[in-house]
Amino acid sequence: MTADPRRVVLASASPARLGLLRQAGITPEVIVSGVDEDKLQAPTPAELALALAEAKAAHVAARPEVFGALVIGCDSVLELDKQALGKPADAAEATARWKAMRGRVGILQTGHCVYDTAAKRYESATASTVVRFGEPTDAEIAAYVASGEPLHVAGAFTLDGRSAPFIDGIDGDPGNVIGLSLPLLRTLLRKLDVEITDLWS
């Protein structure tokens, strides 16, 4: 008989992150951190993504009801012109964002933090993926913004949705752009003496 897998908690409301974990054989509980993302600042977009991920994981890990669990916190920002771009505030901002991004290259930065509440230890790192944006027309951008999708994703785009035809290519881990790098998650778990295969449900 194999032991039951460790309890895993995802400190994120992202359905994309939840989907990636489930596809990888991990069935986490979801507890949204409630961290005020606007209050956190950092010198670079990569450091900001990491600080947000660490804050989310720590906030959920501090709850007594999750003691013993592994808590996974992630946060993504798009780095363009050395600025960190999260979810656009409204349709006008999403439209302006896409007009600024088309034909250009950005870096999707996703901070990852895994908190072992039993050992009271955590490991964290940022994964970076280069994104080469295509050149959608003004009409295509308007239709995409009208779909509502870009208002719910970091950088106003995603690889696994309606904006996929407007992405010419990426250099790096596609999962990282969707919301979570499984190779990096495996690395962080191993630093905590946890094998990802032991989390398979």
C-alpha atoms as a PDB file:
ATOM      1  CA  MET A   1       0.000   0.000   0.000  1.00  0.00           C
ATOM      2  CA  THR A   2       1.286   3.437  -0.868  1.00  0.00           C
ATOM      3  CA  ALA A   3       0.771   6.292   1.532  1.00  0.00           C
ATOM      4  CA  ASP A   4      -1.744   8.966   0.663  1.00  0.00           C
ATOM      5  CA  PRO A   5      -0.124  11.955  -1.053  1.00  0.00           C
ATOM      6  CA  ARG A   6       0.711  15.042   0.981  1.00  0.00           C
ATOM      7  CA  ARG A   7      -2.042  17.615   1.208  1.00  0.00           C
ATOM      8  CA  VAL A   8      -1.394  20.385  -1.330  1.00  0.00           C
ATOM      9  CA  VAL A   9      -2.973  23.840  -1.163  1.00  0.00           C
ATOM     10  CA  LEU A  10      -2.919  26.273  -4.073  1.00  0.00           C
ATOM     11  CA  ALA A  11      -2.890  29.855  -2.804  1.00  0.00           C
ATOM     12  CA  SER A  12      -4.373  31.221  -6.019  1.00  0.00           C
ATOM     13  CA  ALA A  13      -7.776  31.713  -7.630  1.00  0.00           C
ATOM     14  CA  SER A  14      -6.309  31.020 -11.087  1.00  0.00           C
ATOM     15  CA  PRO A  15      -8.210  28.265 -12.917  1.00  0.00           C
ATOM     16  CA  ALA A  16      -5.230  27.951 -15.294  1.00  0.00           C
ATOM     17  CA  ARG A  17      -2.827  27.116 -12.435  1.00  0.00           C
ATOM     18  CA  LEU A  18      -5.303  24.659 -10.966  1.00  0.00           C
ATOM     19  CA  GLY A  19      -5.680  23.032 -14.381  1.00  0.00           C
ATOM     20  CA  LEU A  20      -1.922  22.685 -14.872  1.00  0.00           C
ATOM     21  CA  LEU A  21      -1.525  20.988 -11.486  1.00  0.00           C
ATOM     22  CA  ARG A  22      -4.409  18.609 -12.134  1.00  0.00           C
ATOM     23  CA  GLN A  23      -2.996  17.694 -15.548  1.00  0.00           C
ATOM     24  CA  ALA A  24       0.299  16.893 -13.795  1.00  0.00           C
ATOM     25  CA  GLY A  25      -1.450  14.484 -11.423  1.00  0.00           C
ATOM     26  CA  ILE A  26      -1.734  16.800  -8.398  1.00  0.00           C
ATOM     27  CA  THR A  27      -5.147  17.596  -6.909  1.00  0.00           C
ATOM     28  CA  PRO A  28      -4.772  20.655  -4.666  1.00  0.00           C
ATOM     29  CA  GLU A  29      -7.280  22.408  -2.502  1.00  0.00           C
ATOM     30  CA  VAL A  30      -7.708  26.080  -3.376  1.00  0.00           C
ATOM     31  CA  ILE A  31      -7.470  28.753  -0.690  1.00  0.00           C
ATOM     32  CA  VAL A  32      -7.241  32.292  -2.067  1.00  0.00           C
ATOM     33  CA  SER A  33      -4.717  34.365  -0.149  1.00  0.00           C
ATOM     34  CA  GLY A  34      -6.473  37.728  -0.221  1.00  0.00           C
ATOM     35  CA  VAL A  35      -3.114  39.523  -0.373  1.00  0.00           C
ATOM     36  CA  ASP A  36      -3.418  43.155  -1.525  1.00  0.00           C
ATOM     37  CA  GLU A  37      -1.179  42.963  -4.590  1.00  0.00           C
ATOM     38  CA  ASP A  38      -1.150  46.732  -5.123  1.00  0.00           C
ATOM     39  CA  LYS A  39       0.721  47.309  -1.851  1.00  0.00           C
ATOM     40  CA  LEU A  40       3.776  45.252  -2.801  1.00  0.00           C
ATOM     41  CA  GLN A  41       6.688  46.846  -4.636  1.00  0.00           C
ATOM     42  CA  ALA A  42      10.046  45.570  -5.862  1.00  0.00           C
ATOM     43  CA  PRO A  43      12.984  46.899  -7.907  1.00  0.00           C
ATOM     44  CA  THR A  44      12.340  44.688 -10.965  1.00  0.00           C
ATOM     45  CA  PRO A  45       9.356  42.845 -12.494  1.00  0.00           C
ATOM     46  CA  ALA A  46      10.982  39.470 -11.709  1.00  0.00           C
ATOM     47  CA  GLU A  47      11.463  40.444  -8.057  1.00  0.00           C
ATOM     48  CA  LEU A  48       7.892  41.754  -7.889  1.00  0.00           C
ATOM     49  CA  ALA A  49       6.499  38.464  -9.190  1.00  0.00           C
ATOM     50  CA  LEU A  50       8.567  36.619  -6.584  1.00  0.00           C
ATOM     51  CA  ALA A  51       7.507  38.918  -3.734  1.00  0.00           C
ATOM     52  CA  LEU A  52       3.850  38.456  -4.657  1.00  0.00           C
ATOM     53  CA  ALA A  53       4.198  34.670  -4.819  1.00  0.00           C
ATOM     54  CA  GLU A  54       5.970  34.566  -1.442  1.00  0.00           C
ATOM     55  CA  ALA A  55       3.349  36.819   0.137  1.00  0.00           C
ATOM     56  CA  LYS A  56       0.480  34.657  -1.139  1.00  0.00           C
ATOM     57  CA  ALA A  57       2.087  31.419   0.040  1.00  0.00           C
ATOM     58  CA  ALA A  58       3.045  32.825   3.460  1.00  0.00           C
ATOM     59  CA  HIS A  59      -0.425  34.299   4.011  1.00  0.00           C
ATOM     60  CA  VAL A  60      -2.150  30.966   3.414  1.00  0.00           C
ATOM     61  CA  ALA A  61       0.562  28.915   5.173  1.00  0.00           C
ATOM     62  CA  ALA A  62      -0.007  30.945   8.362  1.00  0.00           C
ATOM     63  CA  ARG A  63      -3.562  29.630   8.678  1.00  0.00           C
ATOM     64  CA  PRO A  64      -3.767  26.956  11.398  1.00  0.00           C
ATOM     65  CA  GLU A  65      -6.118  24.797   9.329  1.00  0.00           C
ATOM     66  CA  VAL A  66      -3.468  24.202   6.663  1.00  0.00           C
ATOM     67  CA  PHE A  67      -0.750  22.948   9.040  1.00  0.00           C
ATOM     68  CA  GLY A  68       1.001  19.967   7.526  1.00  0.00           C
ATOM     69  CA  ALA A  69       0.184  20.947   3.946  1.00  0.00           C
ATOM     70  CA  LEU A  70       2.411  22.085   1.118  1.00  0.00           C
ATOM     71  CA  VAL A  71       1.255  25.553   0.039  1.00  0.00           C
ATOM     72  CA  ILE A  72       1.976  26.729  -3.514  1.00  0.00           C
ATOM     73  CA  GLY A  73       1.872  30.467  -4.243  1.00  0.00           C
ATOM     74  CA  CYS A  74       2.395  31.951  -7.716  1.00  0.00           C
ATOM     75  CA  ASP A  75       2.063  35.316  -9.369  1.00  0.00           C
ATOM     76  CA  SER A  76       2.752  36.489 -12.916  1.00  0.00           C
ATOM     77  CA  VAL A  77       3.603  39.842 -14.455  1.00  0.00           C
ATOM     78  CA  LEU A  78       4.567  40.767 -17.996  1.00  0.00           C
ATOM     79  CA  GLU A  79       7.838  42.671 -18.273  1.00  0.00           C
ATOM     80  CA  LEU A  80       7.741  45.197 -21.121  1.00  0.00           C
ATOM     81  CA  ASP A  81      10.151  48.141 -21.268  1.00  0.00           C
ATOM     82  CA  LYS A  82      11.362  47.066 -17.790  1.00  0.00           C
ATOM     83  CA  GLN A  83       7.865  47.753 -16.407  1.00  0.00           C
ATOM     84  CA  ALA A  84       5.735  45.136 -14.634  1.00  0.00           C
ATOM     85  CA  LEU A  85       2.296  44.770 -16.198  1.00  0.00           C
ATOM     86  CA  GLY A  86      -0.376  42.781 -14.392  1.00  0.00           C
ATOM     87  CA  LYS A  87      -4.053  42.462 -15.235  1.00  0.00           C
ATOM     88  CA  PRO A  88      -5.406  45.531 -17.060  1.00  0.00           C
ATOM     89  CA  ALA A  89      -7.845  47.626 -15.032  1.00  0.00           C
ATOM     90  CA  ASP A  90     -10.412  47.968 -17.800  1.00  0.00           C
ATOM     91  CA  ALA A  91     -11.106  47.496 -21.510  1.00  0.00           C
ATOM     92  CA  ALA A  92      -9.425  50.768 -22.468  1.00  0.00           C
ATOM     93  CA  GLU A  93      -6.208  49.742 -20.731  1.00  0.00           C
ATOM     94  CA  ALA A  94      -6.335  46.275 -22.305  1.00  0.00           C
ATOM     95  CA  THR A  95      -6.727  47.829 -25.758  1.00  0.00           C
ATOM     96  CA  ALA A  96      -3.840  50.238 -25.215  1.00  0.00           C
ATOM     97  CA  ARG A  97      -1.707  47.394 -23.836  1.00  0.00           C
ATOM     98  CA  TRP A  98      -2.223  45.242 -26.913  1.00  0.00           C
ATOM     99  CA  LYS A  99      -1.495  48.103 -29.285  1.00  0.00           C
ATOM    100  CA  ALA A 100       1.768  48.681 -27.380  1.00  0.00           C
ATOM    101  CA  MET A 101       2.713  44.972 -27.336  1.00  0.00           C
ATOM    102  CA  ARG A 102       2.029  43.947 -30.933  1.00  0.00           C
ATOM    103  CA  GLY A 103       5.092  43.130 -32.978  1.00  0.00           C
ATOM    104  CA  ARG A 104       7.261  43.278 -29.865  1.00  0.00           C
ATOM    105  CA  VAL A 105       8.886  40.949 -27.361  1.00  0.00           C
ATOM    106  CA  GLY A 106       8.087  40.773 -23.652  1.00  0.00           C
ATOM    107  CA  ILE A 107       9.105  38.526 -20.753  1.00  0.00           C
ATOM    108  CA  LEU A 108       6.490  36.726 -18.703  1.00  0.00           C
ATOM    109  CA  GLN A 109       7.806  36.558 -15.135  1.00  0.00           C
ATOM    110  CA  THR A 110       6.132  34.087 -12.779  1.00  0.00           C
ATOM    111  CA  GLY A 111       7.152  33.938  -9.144  1.00  0.00           C
ATOM    112  CA  HIS A 112       6.799  30.549  -7.428  1.00  0.00           C
ATOM    113  CA  CYS A 113       6.874  29.813  -3.704  1.00  0.00           C
ATOM    114  CA  VAL A 114       6.360  26.428  -2.045  1.00  0.00           C
ATOM    115  CA  TYR A 115       5.822  26.508   1.717  1.00  0.00           C
ATOM    116  CA  ASP A 116       6.140  23.286   3.718  1.00  0.00           C
ATOM    117  CA  THR A 117       4.001  24.096   6.750  1.00  0.00           C
ATOM    118  CA  ALA A 118       5.089  20.938   8.591  1.00  0.00           C
ATOM    119  CA  ALA A 119       8.803  21.732   8.296  1.00  0.00           C
ATOM    120  CA  LYS A 120       8.215  25.508   8.487  1.00  0.00           C
ATOM    121  CA  ARG A 121      10.461  26.011   5.451  1.00  0.00           C
ATOM    122  CA  TYR A 122       9.929  27.465   2.033  1.00  0.00           C
ATOM    123  CA  GLU A 123      11.706  27.694  -1.313  1.00  0.00           C
ATOM    124  CA  SER A 124      11.026  30.242  -4.018  1.00  0.00           C
ATOM    125  CA  ALA A 125      12.233  31.367  -7.440  1.00  0.00           C
ATOM    126  CA  THR A 126      11.054  33.171 -10.572  1.00  0.00           C
ATOM    127  CA  ALA A 127      10.702  31.548 -13.990  1.00  0.00           C
ATOM    128  CA  SER A 128      11.055  33.732 -17.095  1.00  0.00           C
ATOM    129  CA  THR A 129       9.662  33.046 -20.569  1.00  0.00           C
ATOM    130  CA  VAL A 130      10.208  35.260 -23.613  1.00  0.00           C
ATOM    131  CA  VAL A 131       6.989  36.007 -25.508  1.00  0.00           C
ATOM    132  CA  ARG A 132       6.994  37.161 -29.136  1.00  0.00           C
ATOM    133  CA  PHE A 133       3.769  39.011 -29.878  1.00  0.00           C
ATOM    134  CA  GLY A 134       2.199  38.952 -33.323  1.00  0.00           C
ATOM    135  CA  GLU A 135       0.539  41.902 -34.991  1.00  0.00           C
ATOM    136  CA  PRO A 136      -3.231  41.648 -34.551  1.00  0.00           C
ATOM    137  CA  THR A 137      -5.252  44.317 -36.333  1.00  0.00           C
ATOM    138  CA  ASP A 138      -7.167  46.990 -34.455  1.00  0.00           C
ATOM    139  CA  ALA A 139     -10.357  45.044 -35.227  1.00  0.00           C
ATOM    140  CA  GLU A 140      -8.892  41.829 -33.830  1.00  0.00           C
ATOM    141  CA  ILE A 141      -7.759  43.630 -30.686  1.00  0.00           C
ATOM    142  CA  ALA A 142     -11.222  45.156 -30.244  1.00  0.00           C
ATOM    143  CA  ALA A 143     -12.863  41.743 -30.633  1.00  0.00           C
ATOM    144  CA  TYR A 144     -10.439  40.163 -28.180  1.00  0.00           C
ATOM    145  CA  VAL A 145     -10.950  42.876 -25.565  1.00  0.00           C
ATOM    146  CA  ALA A 146     -14.738  42.582 -26.031  1.00  0.00           C
ATOM    147  CA  SER A 147     -14.466  38.872 -25.128  1.00  0.00           C
ATOM    148  CA  GLY A 148     -13.443  39.923 -21.599  1.00  0.00           C
ATOM    149  CA  GLU A 149     -10.564  37.452 -21.433  1.00  0.00           C
ATOM    150  CA  PRO A 150      -7.663  39.937 -21.227  1.00  0.00           C
ATOM    151  CA  LEU A 151      -9.108  41.566 -18.104  1.00  0.00           C
ATOM    152  CA  HIS A 152      -8.519  38.375 -16.107  1.00  0.00           C
ATOM    153  CA  VAL A 153      -4.933  37.485 -17.050  1.00  0.00           C
ATOM    154  CA  ALA A 154      -1.516  38.982 -16.341  1.00  0.00           C
ATOM    155  CA  GLY A 155      -0.233  40.972 -19.296  1.00  0.00           C
ATOM    156  CA  ALA A 156      -3.707  40.941 -20.910  1.00  0.00           C
ATOM    157  CA  PHE A 157      -2.993  37.701 -22.797  1.00  0.00           C
ATOM    158  CA  THR A 158      -2.710  33.956 -22.347  1.00  0.00           C
ATOM    159  CA  LEU A 159      -1.354  31.076 -24.398  1.00  0.00           C
ATOM    160  CA  ASP A 160      -4.327  28.798 -23.716  1.00  0.00           C
ATOM    161  CA  GLY A 161      -7.157  31.106 -24.742  1.00  0.00           C
ATOM    162  CA  ARG A 162      -8.431  33.433 -27.441  1.00  0.00           C
ATOM    163  CA  SER A 163      -5.187  35.395 -27.665  1.00  0.00           C
ATOM    164  CA  ALA A 164      -3.188  32.298 -28.716  1.00  0.00           C
ATOM    165  CA  PRO A 165      -3.403  33.212 -32.461  1.00  0.00           C
ATOM    166  CA  PHE A 166      -1.812  36.581 -31.654  1.00  0.00           C
ATOM    167  CA  ILE A 167       1.330  35.041 -30.078  1.00  0.00           C
ATOM    168  CA  ASP A 168       3.973  34.234 -32.714  1.00  0.00           C
ATOM    169  CA  GLY A 169       6.082  32.149 -30.347  1.00  0.00           C
ATOM    170  CA  ILE A 170       7.819  31.824 -27.007  1.00  0.00           C
ATOM    171  CA  ASP A 171      11.284  30.920 -25.730  1.00  0.00           C
ATOM    172  CA  GLY A 172      11.008  28.931 -22.529  1.00  0.00           C
ATOM    173  CA  ASP A 173       8.386  27.015 -20.582  1.00  0.00           C
ATOM    174  CA  PRO A 174       4.835  27.449 -21.952  1.00  0.00           C
ATOM    175  CA  GLY A 175       3.345  26.428 -18.599  1.00  0.00           C
ATOM    176  CA  ASN A 176       5.072  29.413 -17.043  1.00  0.00           C
ATOM    177  CA  VAL A 177       3.127  31.727 -19.376  1.00  0.00           C
ATOM    178  CA  ILE A 178      -0.129  29.952 -18.561  1.00  0.00           C
ATOM    179  CA  GLY A 179       0.591  30.445 -14.869  1.00  0.00           C
ATOM    180  CA  LEU A 180       2.906  27.839 -13.363  1.00  0.00           C
ATOM    181  CA  SER A 181       6.204  26.228 -14.363  1.00  0.00           C
ATOM    182  CA  LEU A 182       6.006  22.532 -13.508  1.00  0.00           C
ATOM    183  CA  PRO A 183       9.783  22.011 -13.953  1.00  0.00           C
ATOM    184  CA  LEU A 184      10.480  24.840 -11.490  1.00  0.00           C
ATOM    185  CA  LEU A 185       7.844  23.479  -9.096  1.00  0.00           C
ATOM    186  CA  ARG A 186       9.630  20.105  -9.163  1.00  0.00           C
ATOM    187  CA  THR A 187      12.960  21.823  -8.393  1.00  0.00           C
ATOM    188  CA  LEU A 188      11.512  23.753  -5.443  1.00  0.00           C
ATOM    189  CA  LEU A 189       9.831  20.633  -4.058  1.00  0.00           C
ATOM    190  CA  ARG A 190      13.105  18.677  -4.224  1.00  0.00           C
ATOM    191  CA  LYS A 191      14.828  21.438  -2.232  1.00  0.00           C
ATOM    192  CA  LEU A 192      12.175  20.764   0.419  1.00  0.00           C
ATOM    193  CA  ASP A 193      12.916  17.001   0.229  1.00  0.00           C
ATOM    194  CA  VAL A 194       9.603  16.285  -1.529  1.00  0.00           C
ATOM    195  CA  GLU A 195       9.361  14.307  -4.774  1.00  0.00           C
ATOM    196  CA  ILE A 196       6.693  15.560  -7.163  1.00  0.00           C
ATOM    197  CA  THR A 197       5.749  11.948  -7.962  1.00  0.00           C
ATOM    198  CA  ASP A 198       4.757  11.488  -4.299  1.00  0.00           C
ATOM    199  CA  LEU A 199       2.077  14.161  -4.791  1.00  0.00           C
ATOM    200  CA  TRP A 200       0.336  12.293  -7.608  1.00  0.00           C
ATOM    201  CA  SER A 201      -3.236  11.466  -6.684  1.00  0.00           C
END
